[in-house]
PDB file of N, CA and C in Angstrom:
ATOM      1  N   UNK A   1     103.173 106.630 101.764  1.00  0.00           N
ATOM      2  CA  UNK A   1     101.765 106.899 101.611  1.00  0.00           C
ATOM      3  C   UNK A   1     101.593 108.314 101.083  1.00  0.00           C
ATOM      4  N   UNK A   2     100.808 108.412 100.068  1.00  0.00           N
ATOM      5  CA  UNK A   2     100.578 109.706  99.432  1.00  0.00           C
ATOM      6  C   UNK A   2      99.302 110.321  99.980  1.00  0.00           C
ATOM      7  N   UNK A   3      99.349 111.636 100.181  1.00  0.00           N
ATOM      8  CA  UNK A   3      98.155 112.339 100.657  1.00  0.00           C
ATOM      9  C   UNK A   3      97.199 112.535  99.499  1.00  0.00           C
ATOM     10  N   UNK A   4      95.943 112.421  99.786  1.00  0.00           N
ATOM     11  CA  UNK A   4      94.941 112.622  98.752  1.00  0.00           C
ATOM     12  C   UNK A   4      94.832 114.100  98.429  1.00  0.00           C
ATOM     13  N   UNK A   5      94.343 114.462  97.263  1.00  0.00           N
ATOM     14  CA  UNK A   5      94.235 115.876  96.896  1.00  0.00           C
ATOM     15  C   UNK A   5      93.342 116.649  97.843  1.00  0.00           C
ATOM     16  N   UNK A   6      92.281 116.043  98.375  1.00  0.00           N
ATOM     17  CA  UNK A   6      91.411 116.780  99.281  1.00  0.00           C
ATOM     18  C   UNK A   6      92.117 117.076 100.595  1.00  0.00           C
ATOM     19  N   UNK A   7      93.008 116.161 101.046  1.00  0.00           N
ATOM     20  CA  UNK A   7      93.753 116.401 102.278  1.00  0.00           C
ATOM     21  C   UNK A   7      94.751 117.522 102.083  1.00  0.00           C
ATOM     22  N   UNK A   8      95.395 117.541 100.908  1.00  0.00           N
ATOM     23  CA  UNK A   8      96.338 118.629 100.627  1.00  0.00           C
ATOM     24  C   UNK A   8      95.615 119.968 100.590  1.00  0.00           C
ATOM     25  N   UNK A   9      94.445 119.977 100.012  1.00  0.00           N
ATOM     26  CA  UNK A   9      93.647 121.200  99.937  1.00  0.00           C
ATOM     27  C   UNK A   9      93.253 121.659 101.334  1.00  0.00           C
ATOM     28  N   UNK A  10      92.856 120.710 102.185  1.00  0.00           N
ATOM     29  CA  UNK A  10      92.499 121.048 103.562  1.00  0.00           C
ATOM     30  C   UNK A  10      93.706 121.582 104.317  1.00  0.00           C
ATOM     31  N   UNK A  11      94.841 120.984 104.142  1.00  0.00           N
ATOM     32  CA  UNK A  11      96.049 121.421 104.829  1.00  0.00           C
ATOM     33  C   UNK A  11      96.462 122.813 104.365  1.00  0.00           C
ATOM     34  N   UNK A  12      96.338 123.085 103.091  1.00  0.00           N
ATOM     35  CA  UNK A  12      96.711 124.394 102.567  1.00  0.00           C
ATOM     36  C   UNK A  12      95.767 125.465 103.108  1.00  0.00           C
ATOM     37  N   UNK A  13      94.465 125.150 103.193  1.00  0.00           N
ATOM     38  CA  UNK A  13      93.504 126.115 103.738  1.00  0.00           C
ATOM     39  C   UNK A  13      93.746 126.344 105.223  1.00  0.00           C
ATOM     40  N   UNK A  14      94.010 125.285 105.964  1.00  0.00           N
ATOM     41  CA  UNK A  14      94.257 125.414 107.399  1.00  0.00           C
ATOM     42  C   UNK A  14      95.507 126.237 107.642  1.00  0.00           C
ATOM     43  N   UNK A  15      96.543 125.994 106.865  1.00  0.00           N
ATOM     44  CA  UNK A  15      97.779 126.754 107.016  1.00  0.00           C
ATOM     45  C   UNK A  15      97.560 128.222 106.650  1.00  0.00           C
ATOM     46  N   UNK A  16      96.806 128.478 105.586  1.00  0.00           N
ATOM     47  CA  UNK A  16      96.550 129.848 105.152  1.00  0.00           C
ATOM     48  C   UNK A  16      95.737 130.615 106.198  1.00  0.00           C
ATOM     49  N   UNK A  17      94.832 129.949 106.915  1.00  0.00           N
ATOM     50  CA  UNK A  17      94.040 130.610 107.951  1.00  0.00           C
ATOM     51  C   UNK A  17      94.814 130.775 109.243  1.00  0.00           C
ATOM     52  N   UNK A  18      95.634 129.795 109.579  1.00  0.00           N
ATOM     53  CA  UNK A  18      96.332 129.807 110.863  1.00  0.00           C
ATOM     54  C   UNK A  18      97.585 130.671 110.828  1.00  0.00           C
ATOM     55  N   UNK A  19      98.224 130.804 109.678  1.00  0.00           N
ATOM     56  CA  UNK A  19      99.482 131.539 109.598  1.00  0.00           C
ATOM     57  C   UNK A  19      99.343 133.002 110.030  1.00  0.00           C
ATOM     58  N   UNK A  20      98.355 133.760 109.544  1.00  0.00           N
ATOM     59  CA  UNK A  20      98.232 135.151 110.009  1.00  0.00           C
ATOM     60  C   UNK A  20      97.972 135.243 111.519  1.00  0.00           C
ATOM     61  N   UNK A  21      97.229 134.271 112.044  1.00  0.00           N
ATOM     62  CA  UNK A  21      96.954 134.272 113.480  1.00  0.00           C
ATOM     63  C   UNK A  21      98.236 134.059 114.274  1.00  0.00           C
ATOM     64  N   UNK A  22      99.055 133.108 113.846  1.00  0.00           N
ATOM     65  CA  UNK A  22     100.319 132.855 114.544  1.00  0.00           C
ATOM     66  C   UNK A  22     101.252 134.060 114.436  1.00  0.00           C
ATOM     67  N   UNK A  23     101.268 134.709 113.275  1.00  0.00           N
ATOM     68  CA  UNK A  23     102.120 135.884 113.109  1.00  0.00           C
ATOM     69  C   UNK A  23     101.655 137.040 113.989  1.00  0.00           C
ATOM     70  N   UNK A  24     100.368 137.182 114.101  1.00  0.00           N
ATOM     71  CA  UNK A  24      99.814 138.265 114.916  1.00  0.00           C
ATOM     72  C   UNK A  24     100.096 138.042 116.394  1.00  0.00           C
ATOM     73  N   UNK A  25      99.879 136.826 116.859  1.00  0.00           N
ATOM     74  CA  UNK A  25     100.094 136.528 118.272  1.00  0.00           C
ATOM     75  C   UNK A  25     101.563 136.498 118.642  1.00  0.00           C
ATOM     76  N   UNK A  26     102.405 136.171 117.702  1.00  0.00           N
ATOM     77  CA  UNK A  26     103.815 136.047 117.997  1.00  0.00           C
ATOM     78  C   UNK A  26     104.612 137.305 117.766  1.00  0.00           C
ATOM     79  N   UNK A  27     104.001 138.381 117.307  1.00  0.00           N
ATOM     80  CA  UNK A  27     104.767 139.591 117.016  1.00  0.00           C
ATOM     81  C   UNK A  27     105.195 140.262 118.317  1.00  0.00           C
ATOM     82  N   UNK A  28     106.426 140.764 118.387  1.00  0.00           N
ATOM     83  CA  UNK A  28     106.917 141.374 119.628  1.00  0.00           C
ATOM     84  C   UNK A  28     106.197 142.672 119.992  1.00  0.00           C
ATOM     85  N   UNK A  29     105.583 143.349 119.012  1.00  0.00           N
ATOM     86  CA  UNK A  29     104.894 144.599 119.333  1.00  0.00           C
ATOM     87  C   UNK A  29     103.621 144.340 120.119  1.00  0.00           C
ATOM     88  N   UNK A  30     103.064 143.150 120.002  1.00  0.00           N
ATOM     89  CA  UNK A  30     101.848 142.818 120.713  1.00  0.00           C
ATOM     90  C   UNK A  30     102.118 142.160 122.060  1.00  0.00           C
ATOM     91  N   UNK A  31     103.335 141.750 122.304  1.00  0.00           N
ATOM     92  CA  UNK A  31     103.650 141.061 123.552  1.00  0.00           C
ATOM     93  C   UNK A  31     103.596 142.046 124.708  1.00  0.00           C
ATOM     94  N   UNK A  32     103.073 141.596 125.830  1.00  0.00           N
ATOM     95  CA  UNK A  32     103.005 142.442 127.013  1.00  0.00           C
ATOM     96  C   UNK A  32     104.175 142.100 127.918  1.00  0.00           C
ATOM     97  N   UNK A  33     104.932 143.113 128.273  1.00  0.00           N
ATOM     98  CA  UNK A  33     106.059 142.906 129.175  1.00  0.00           C
ATOM     99  C   UNK A  33     105.900 143.833 130.351  1.00  0.00           C
ATOM    100  N   UNK A  34     106.553 143.497 131.451  1.00  0.00           N
ATOM    101  CA  UNK A  34     106.504 144.346 132.635  1.00  0.00           C
ATOM    102  C   UNK A  34     107.275 145.622 132.355  1.00  0.00           C
ATOM    103  N   UNK A  35     106.762 146.741 132.818  1.00  0.00           N
ATOM    104  CA  UNK A  35     107.409 148.035 132.593  1.00  0.00           C
ATOM    105  C   UNK A  35     108.661 148.117 133.446  1.00  0.00           C
ATOM    106  N   UNK A  36     109.749 148.481 132.815  1.00  0.00           N
ATOM    107  CA  UNK A  36     110.990 148.631 133.571  1.00  0.00           C
ATOM    108  C   UNK A  36     110.976 149.986 134.272  1.00  0.00           C
ATOM    109  N   UNK A  37     111.709 150.109 135.409  1.00  0.00           N
ATOM    110  CA  UNK A  37     111.710 151.379 136.138  1.00  0.00           C
ATOM    111  C   UNK A  37     112.280 152.533 135.330  1.00  0.00           C
ATOM    112  N   UNK A  38     113.141 152.246 134.337  1.00  0.00           N
ATOM    113  CA  UNK A  38     113.730 153.330 133.558  1.00  0.00           C
ATOM    114  C   UNK A  38     112.750 153.892 132.532  1.00  0.00           C
ATOM    115  N   UNK A  39     111.666 153.169 132.233  1.00  0.00           N
ATOM    116  CA  UNK A  39     110.688 153.642 131.270  1.00  0.00           C
ATOM    117  C   UNK A  39     109.739 154.607 131.964  1.00  0.00           C
ATOM    118  N   UNK A  40     109.705 155.876 131.543  1.00  0.00           N
ATOM    119  CA  UNK A  40     108.791 156.831 132.196  1.00  0.00           C
ATOM    120  C   UNK A  40     107.340 156.507 131.841  1.00  0.00           C
ATOM    121  N   UNK A  41     106.494 156.547 132.836  1.00  0.00           N
ATOM    122  CA  UNK A  41     105.075 156.313 132.635  1.00  0.00           C
ATOM    123  C   UNK A  41     104.408 157.623 132.239  1.00  0.00           C
ATOM    124  N   UNK A  42     103.534 157.588 131.250  1.00  0.00           N
ATOM    125  CA  UNK A  42     102.852 158.840 130.870  1.00  0.00           C
ATOM    126  C   UNK A  42     101.915 159.281 131.990  1.00  0.00           C
ATOM    127  N   UNK A  43     101.932 160.572 132.255  1.00  0.00           N
ATOM    128  CA  UNK A  43     101.054 161.098 133.302  1.00  0.00           C
ATOM    129  C   UNK A  43      99.636 161.196 132.753  1.00  0.00           C
ATOM    130  N   UNK A  44      98.645 161.006 133.621  1.00  0.00           N
ATOM    131  CA  UNK A  44      97.266 161.106 133.131  1.00  0.00           C
ATOM    132  C   UNK A  44      96.971 162.529 132.675  1.00  0.00           C
ATOM    133  N   UNK A  45      96.128 162.626 131.683  1.00  0.00           N
ATOM    134  CA  UNK A  45      95.762 163.934 131.137  1.00  0.00           C
ATOM    135  C   UNK A  45      94.972 164.726 132.181  1.00  0.00           C
ATOM    136  N   UNK A  46      95.190 166.021 132.270  1.00  0.00           N
ATOM    137  CA  UNK A  46      94.423 166.817 133.232  1.00  0.00           C
ATOM    138  C   UNK A  46      92.945 166.820 132.859  1.00  0.00           C
ATOM    139  N   UNK A  47      92.112 166.813 133.872  1.00  0.00           N
ATOM    140  CA  UNK A  47      90.667 166.801 133.644  1.00  0.00           C
ATOM    141  C   UNK A  47      90.234 168.125 133.029  1.00  0.00           C
ATOM    142  N   UNK A  48      89.430 168.040 132.018  1.00  0.00           N
ATOM    143  CA  UNK A  48      88.920 169.233 131.353  1.00  0.00           C
ATOM    144  C   UNK A  48      87.635 169.643 132.057  1.00  0.00           C
ATOM    145  N   UNK A  49      87.624 170.860 132.568  1.00  0.00           N
ATOM    146  CA  UNK A  49      86.444 171.365 133.265  1.00  0.00           C
ATOM    147  C   UNK A  49      85.678 172.249 132.302  1.00  0.00           C
ATOM    148  N   UNK A  50      84.462 171.846 132.019  1.00  0.00           N
ATOM    149  CA  UNK A  50      83.628 172.650 131.135  1.00  0.00           C
ATOM    150  C   UNK A  50      82.831 173.633 131.973  1.00  0.00           C
ATOM    151  N   UNK A  51      82.941 174.878 131.611  1.00  0.00           N
ATOM    152  CA  UNK A  51      82.154 175.888 132.305  1.00  0.00           C
ATOM    153  C   UNK A  51      80.729 175.851 131.763  1.00  0.00           C
ATOM    154  N   UNK A  52      79.760 176.060 132.638  1.00  0.00           N
ATOM    155  CA  UNK A  52      78.383 176.028 132.154  1.00  0.00           C
ATOM    156  C   UNK A  52      78.160 177.127 131.119  1.00  0.00           C
ATOM    157  N   UNK A  53      77.413 176.769 130.100  1.00  0.00           N
ATOM    158  CA  UNK A  53      77.139 177.759 129.065  1.00  0.00           C
ATOM    159  C   UNK A  53      76.108 178.758 129.575  1.00  0.00           C
ATOM    160  N   UNK A  54      76.216 179.945 129.087  1.00  0.00           N
ATOM    161  CA  UNK A  54      75.289 181.012 129.474  1.00  0.00           C
ATOM    162  C   UNK A  54      73.930 180.717 128.857  1.00  0.00           C
ATOM    163  N   UNK A  55      72.920 180.525 129.706  1.00  0.00           N
ATOM    164  CA  UNK A  55      71.582 180.260 129.204  1.00  0.00           C
ATOM    165  C   UNK A  55      70.804 181.568 129.208  1.00  0.00           C
ATOM    166  N   UNK A  56      70.021 181.732 128.180  1.00  0.00           N
ATOM    167  CA  UNK A  56      69.241 182.956 128.081  1.00  0.00           C
ATOM    168  C   UNK A  56      68.000 182.870 128.953  1.00  0.00           C
ATOM    169  N   UNK A  57      67.651 183.991 129.547  1.00  0.00           N
ATOM    170  CA  UNK A  57      66.442 184.095 130.365  1.00  0.00           C
ATOM    171  C   UNK A  57      65.417 184.889 129.565  1.00  0.00           C
ATOM    172  N   UNK A  58      64.223 184.316 129.425  1.00  0.00           N
ATOM    173  CA  UNK A  58      63.156 184.987 128.679  1.00  0.00           C
ATOM    174  C   UNK A  58      62.007 185.297 129.631  1.00  0.00           C
ATOM    175  N   UNK A  59      61.513 186.512 129.572  1.00  0.00           N
ATOM    176  CA  UNK A  59      60.306 186.920 130.293  1.00  0.00           C
ATOM    177  C   UNK A  59      59.229 187.122 129.226  1.00  0.00           C
ATOM    178  N   UNK A  60      58.253 186.229 129.225  1.00  0.00           N
ATOM    179  CA  UNK A  60      57.200 186.262 128.211  1.00  0.00           C
ATOM    180  C   UNK A  60      55.914 186.735 128.872  1.00  0.00           C
ATOM    181  N   UNK A  61      55.281 187.735 128.289  1.00  0.00           N
ATOM    182  CA  UNK A  61      54.020 188.270 128.805  1.00  0.00           C
ATOM    183  C   UNK A  61      52.963 188.119 127.727  1.00  0.00           C
ATOM    184  N   UNK A  62      51.871 187.434 128.107  1.00  0.00           N
ATOM    185  CA  UNK A  62      50.725 187.284 127.211  1.00  0.00           C
ATOM    186  C   UNK A  62      49.542 187.913 127.913  1.00  0.00           C
ATOM    187  N   UNK A  63      48.891 188.860 127.238  1.00  0.00           N
ATOM    188  CA  UNK A  63      47.781 189.585 127.870  1.00  0.00           C
ATOM    189  C   UNK A  63      46.606 189.667 126.915  1.00  0.00           C
ATOM    190  N   UNK A  64      45.420 189.415 127.463  1.00  0.00           N
ATOM    191  CA  UNK A  64      44.196 189.632 126.698  1.00  0.00           C
ATOM    192  C   UNK A  64      43.226 190.414 127.578  1.00  0.00           C
ATOM    193  N   UNK A  65      41.978 190.458 127.224  1.00  0.00           N
ATOM    194  CA  UNK A  65      41.024 191.276 127.983  1.00  0.00           C
ATOM    195  C   UNK A  65      40.697 190.691 129.353  1.00  0.00           C
ATOM    196  N   UNK A  66      40.917 189.399 129.571  1.00  0.00           N
ATOM    197  CA  UNK A  66      40.539 188.769 130.833  1.00  0.00           C
ATOM    198  C   UNK A  66      41.706 188.474 131.767  1.00  0.00           C
ATOM    199  N   UNK A  67      42.910 188.222 131.230  1.00  0.00           N
ATOM    200  CA  UNK A  67      44.047 187.830 132.079  1.00  0.00           C
ATOM    201  C   UNK A  67      45.373 188.358 131.548  1.00  0.00           C
ATOM    202  N   UNK A  68      46.346 188.331 132.448  1.00  0.00           N
ATOM    203  CA  UNK A  68      47.729 188.639 132.097  1.00  0.00           C
ATOM    204  C   UNK A  68      48.570 187.465 132.594  1.00  0.00           C
ATOM    205  N   UNK A  69      49.365 186.849 131.722  1.00  0.00           N
ATOM    206  CA  UNK A  69      50.188 185.696 132.067  1.00  0.00           C
ATOM    207  C   UNK A  69      51.647 186.086 131.891  1.00  0.00           C
ATOM    208  N   UNK A  70      52.422 185.941 132.973  1.00  0.00           N
ATOM    209  CA  UNK A  70      53.865 186.189 132.957  1.00  0.00           C
ATOM    210  C   UNK A  70      54.574 184.845 133.079  1.00  0.00           C
ATOM    211  N   UNK A  71      55.446 184.546 132.133  1.00  0.00           N
ATOM    212  CA  UNK A  71      56.177 183.279 132.126  1.00  0.00           C
ATOM    213  C   UNK A  71      57.668 183.566 132.106  1.00  0.00           C
ATOM    214  N   UNK A  72      58.446 182.820 132.890  1.00  0.00           N
ATOM    215  CA  UNK A  72      59.903 182.948 132.914  1.00  0.00           C
ATOM    216  C   UNK A  72      60.487 181.629 132.422  1.00  0.00           C
ATOM    217  N   UNK A  73      61.338 181.718 131.386  1.00  0.00           N
ATOM    218  CA  UNK A  73      62.031 180.553 130.844  1.00  0.00           C
ATOM    219  C   UNK A  73      63.524 180.778 130.943  1.00  0.00           C
ATOM    220  N   UNK A  74      64.224 179.749 131.391  1.00  0.00           N
ATOM    221  CA  UNK A  74      65.688 179.770 131.393  1.00  0.00           C
ATOM    222  C   UNK A  74      66.120 178.663 130.451  1.00  0.00           C
ATOM    223  N   UNK A  75      66.848 179.040 129.409  1.00  0.00           N
ATOM    224  CA  UNK A  75      67.141 178.085 128.344  1.00  0.00           C
ATOM    225  C   UNK A  75      65.848 177.784 127.627  1.00  0.00           C
ATOM    226  N   UNK A  76      65.472 176.532 127.584  1.00  0.00           N
ATOM    227  CA  UNK A  76      64.195 176.158 126.975  1.00  0.00           C
ATOM    228  C   UNK A  76      63.224 175.594 128.005  1.00  0.00           C
ATOM    229  N   UNK A  77      63.561 175.719 129.287  1.00  0.00           N
ATOM    230  CA  UNK A  77      62.739 175.162 130.358  1.00  0.00           C
ATOM    231  C   UNK A  77      61.957 176.259 131.076  1.00  0.00           C
ATOM    232  N   UNK A  78      60.652 176.067 131.209  1.00  0.00           N
ATOM    233  CA  UNK A  78      59.804 177.023 131.908  1.00  0.00           C
ATOM    234  C   UNK A  78      60.034 176.895 133.406  1.00  0.00           C
ATOM    235  N   UNK A  79      60.337 178.006 134.066  1.00  0.00           N
ATOM    236  CA  UNK A  79      60.604 178.002 135.506  1.00  0.00           C
ATOM    237  C   UNK A  79      59.402 178.467 136.316  1.00  0.00           C
ATOM    238  N   UNK A  80      58.659 179.457 135.834  1.00  0.00           N
ATOM    239  CA  UNK A  80      57.495 179.932 136.585  1.00  0.00           C
ATOM    240  C   UNK A  80      56.453 180.508 135.643  1.00  0.00           C
ATOM    241  N   UNK A  81      55.181 180.370 136.082  1.00  0.00           N
ATOM    242  CA  UNK A  81      54.053 180.942 135.345  1.00  0.00           C
ATOM    243  C   UNK A  81      53.167 181.642 136.369  1.00  0.00           C
ATOM    244  N   UNK A  82      52.980 182.952 136.202  1.00  0.00           N
ATOM    245  CA  UNK A  82      52.111 183.745 137.078  1.00  0.00           C
ATOM    246  C   UNK A  82      50.918 184.228 136.261  1.00  0.00           C
ATOM    247  N   UNK A  83      49.723 184.032 136.827  1.00  0.00           N
ATOM    248  CA  UNK A  83      48.489 184.431 136.144  1.00  0.00           C
ATOM    249  C   UNK A  83      47.785 185.480 136.985  1.00  0.00           C
ATOM    250  N   UNK A  84      47.431 186.611 136.356  1.00  0.00           N
ATOM    251  CA  UNK A  84      46.711 187.695 137.031  1.00  0.00           C
ATOM    252  C   UNK A  84      45.402 187.926 136.282  1.00  0.00           C
ATOM    253  N   UNK A  85      44.275 187.422 136.832  1.00  0.00           N
ATOM    254  CA  UNK A  85      42.983 187.708 136.194  1.00  0.00           C
ATOM    255  C   UNK A  85      42.635 189.191 136.351  1.00  0.00           C
ATOM    256  N   UNK A  86      41.942 189.752 135.376  1.00  0.00           N
ATOM    257  CA  UNK A  86      41.596 191.169 135.419  1.00  0.00           C
ATOM    258  C   UNK A  86      40.193 191.416 135.969  1.00  0.00           C
ATOM    259  N   UNK A  87      39.463 190.377 136.302  1.00  0.00           N
ATOM    260  CA  UNK A  87      38.098 190.552 136.779  1.00  0.00           C
ATOM    261  C   UNK A  87      38.011 190.620 138.307  1.00  0.00           C
ATOM    262  N   UNK A  88      39.116 190.929 138.981  1.00  0.00           N
ATOM    263  CA  UNK A  88      39.095 191.065 140.432  1.00  0.00           C
ATOM    264  C   UNK A  88      39.424 189.785 141.185  1.00  0.00           C
ATOM    265  N   UNK A  89      39.627 188.690 140.505  1.00  0.00           N
ATOM    266  CA  UNK A  89      39.990 187.438 141.156  1.00  0.00           C
ATOM    267  C   UNK A  89      41.458 187.504 141.587  1.00  0.00           C
ATOM    268  N   UNK A  90      41.853 186.708 142.610  1.00  0.00           N
ATOM    269  CA  UNK A  90      43.248 186.759 143.063  1.00  0.00           C
ATOM    270  C   UNK A  90      44.194 186.111 142.041  1.00  0.00           C
ATOM    271  N   UNK A  91      45.430 186.606 142.038  1.00  0.00           N
ATOM    272  CA  UNK A  91      46.460 186.054 141.159  1.00  0.00           C
ATOM    273  C   UNK A  91      46.877 184.677 141.678  1.00  0.00           C
ATOM    274  N   UNK A  92      47.408 183.847 140.777  1.00  0.00           N
ATOM    275  CA  UNK A  92      47.884 182.522 141.175  1.00  0.00           C
ATOM    276  C   UNK A  92      49.072 182.131 140.315  1.00  0.00           C
ATOM    277  N   UNK A  93      49.794 181.114 140.788  1.00  0.00           N
ATOM    278  CA  UNK A  93      50.943 180.579 140.069  1.00  0.00           C
ATOM    279  C   UNK A  93      50.594 179.176 139.583  1.00  0.00           C
ATOM    280  N   UNK A  94      51.143 178.812 138.439  1.00  0.00           N
ATOM    281  CA  UNK A  94      50.956 177.479 137.870  1.00  0.00           C
ATOM    282  C   UNK A  94      52.311 176.778 137.894  1.00  0.00           C
ATOM    283  N   UNK A  95      52.345 175.579 138.501  1.00  0.00           N
ATOM    284  CA  UNK A  95      53.576 174.771 138.517  1.00  0.00           C
ATOM    285  C   UNK A  95      53.818 174.254 137.100  1.00  0.00           C
ATOM    286  N   UNK A  96      54.968 174.583 136.486  1.00  0.00           N
ATOM    287  CA  UNK A  96      55.194 174.219 135.076  1.00  0.00           C
ATOM    288  C   UNK A  96      55.164 172.711 134.807  1.00  0.00           C
ATOM    289  N   UNK A  97      55.675 171.899 135.720  1.00  0.00           N
ATOM    290  CA  UNK A  97      55.753 170.464 135.436  1.00  0.00           C
ATOM    291  C   UNK A  97      54.445 169.739 135.691  1.00  0.00           C
ATOM    292  N   UNK A  98      53.741 170.102 136.753  1.00  0.00           N
ATOM    293  CA  UNK A  98      52.521 169.368 137.100  1.00  0.00           C
ATOM    294  C   UNK A  98      51.250 170.091 136.672  1.00  0.00           C
ATOM    295  N   UNK A  99      51.304 171.399 136.458  1.00  0.00           N
ATOM    296  CA  UNK A  99      50.111 172.160 136.107  1.00  0.00           C
ATOM    297  C   UNK A  99      49.271 172.537 137.318  1.00  0.00           C
ATOM    298  N   UNK A 100      49.792 172.287 138.518  1.00  0.00           N
ATOM    299  CA  UNK A 100      49.063 172.588 139.759  1.00  0.00           C
ATOM    300  C   UNK A 100      49.024 174.098 139.994  1.00  0.00           C
ATOM    301  N   UNK A 101      47.879 174.599 140.424  1.00  0.00           N
ATOM    302  CA  UNK A 101      47.717 176.028 140.697  1.00  0.00           C
ATOM    303  C   UNK A 101      47.847 176.283 142.188  1.00  0.00           C
ATOM    304  N   UNK A 102      48.519 177.381 142.540  1.00  0.00           N
ATOM    305  CA  UNK A 102      48.652 177.775 143.944  1.00  0.00           C
ATOM    306  C   UNK A 102      48.353 179.265 144.068  1.00  0.00           C
ATOM    307  N   UNK A 103      47.634 179.630 145.144  1.00  0.00           N
ATOM    308  CA  UNK A 103      47.304 181.020 145.422  1.00  0.00           C
ATOM    309  C   UNK A 103      48.036 181.470 146.658  1.00  0.00           C
ATOM    310  N   UNK A 104      48.451 182.717 146.674  1.00  0.00           N
ATOM    311  CA  UNK A 104      49.012 183.309 147.894  1.00  0.00           C
ATOM    312  C   UNK A 104      47.860 183.820 148.721  1.00  0.00           C
ATOM    313  N   UNK A 105      47.742 183.309 149.937  1.00  0.00           N
ATOM    314  CA  UNK A 105      46.636 183.721 150.796  1.00  0.00           C
ATOM    315  C   UNK A 105      46.941 185.064 151.435  1.00  0.00           C
ATOM    316  N   UNK A 106      48.132 185.192 151.974  1.00  0.00           N
ATOM    317  CA  UNK A 106      48.547 186.450 152.598  1.00  0.00           C
ATOM    318  C   UNK A 106      49.731 186.992 151.827  1.00  0.00           C
ATOM    319  N   UNK A 107      49.553 188.093 151.131  1.00  0.00           N
ATOM    320  CA  UNK A 107      50.652 188.697 150.384  1.00  0.00           C
ATOM    321  C   UNK A 107      51.320 189.788 151.208  1.00  0.00           C
ATOM    322  N   UNK A 108      52.604 189.660 151.409  1.00  0.00           N
ATOM    323  CA  UNK A 108      53.344 190.679 152.177  1.00  0.00           C
ATOM    324  C   UNK A 108      54.255 191.423 151.272  1.00  0.00           C
TER     325      UNK A 108
END
């Protein structure tokens, strides 16, 4: 019995696709074997400890005829905002994240 040309074509394509797969799976470099005791195991790399980078501290003062505002920034994050009105009102602090104002009632 003779194979039809379409069957031969199918067989050639199947072989061409399957052959690289069989070669890849059957190669000894890809095979996993148990480590023998004589083979030294590589030691894990030592952990790299990054030292914190030096962040710049900025003291920013903005003053006009009515108020004086002192702001402290570390890196790019605002840490504190102090407001001193010049019209005799008490000084207060502004929370940078929430915008909440707080006054010191008793200053020591």
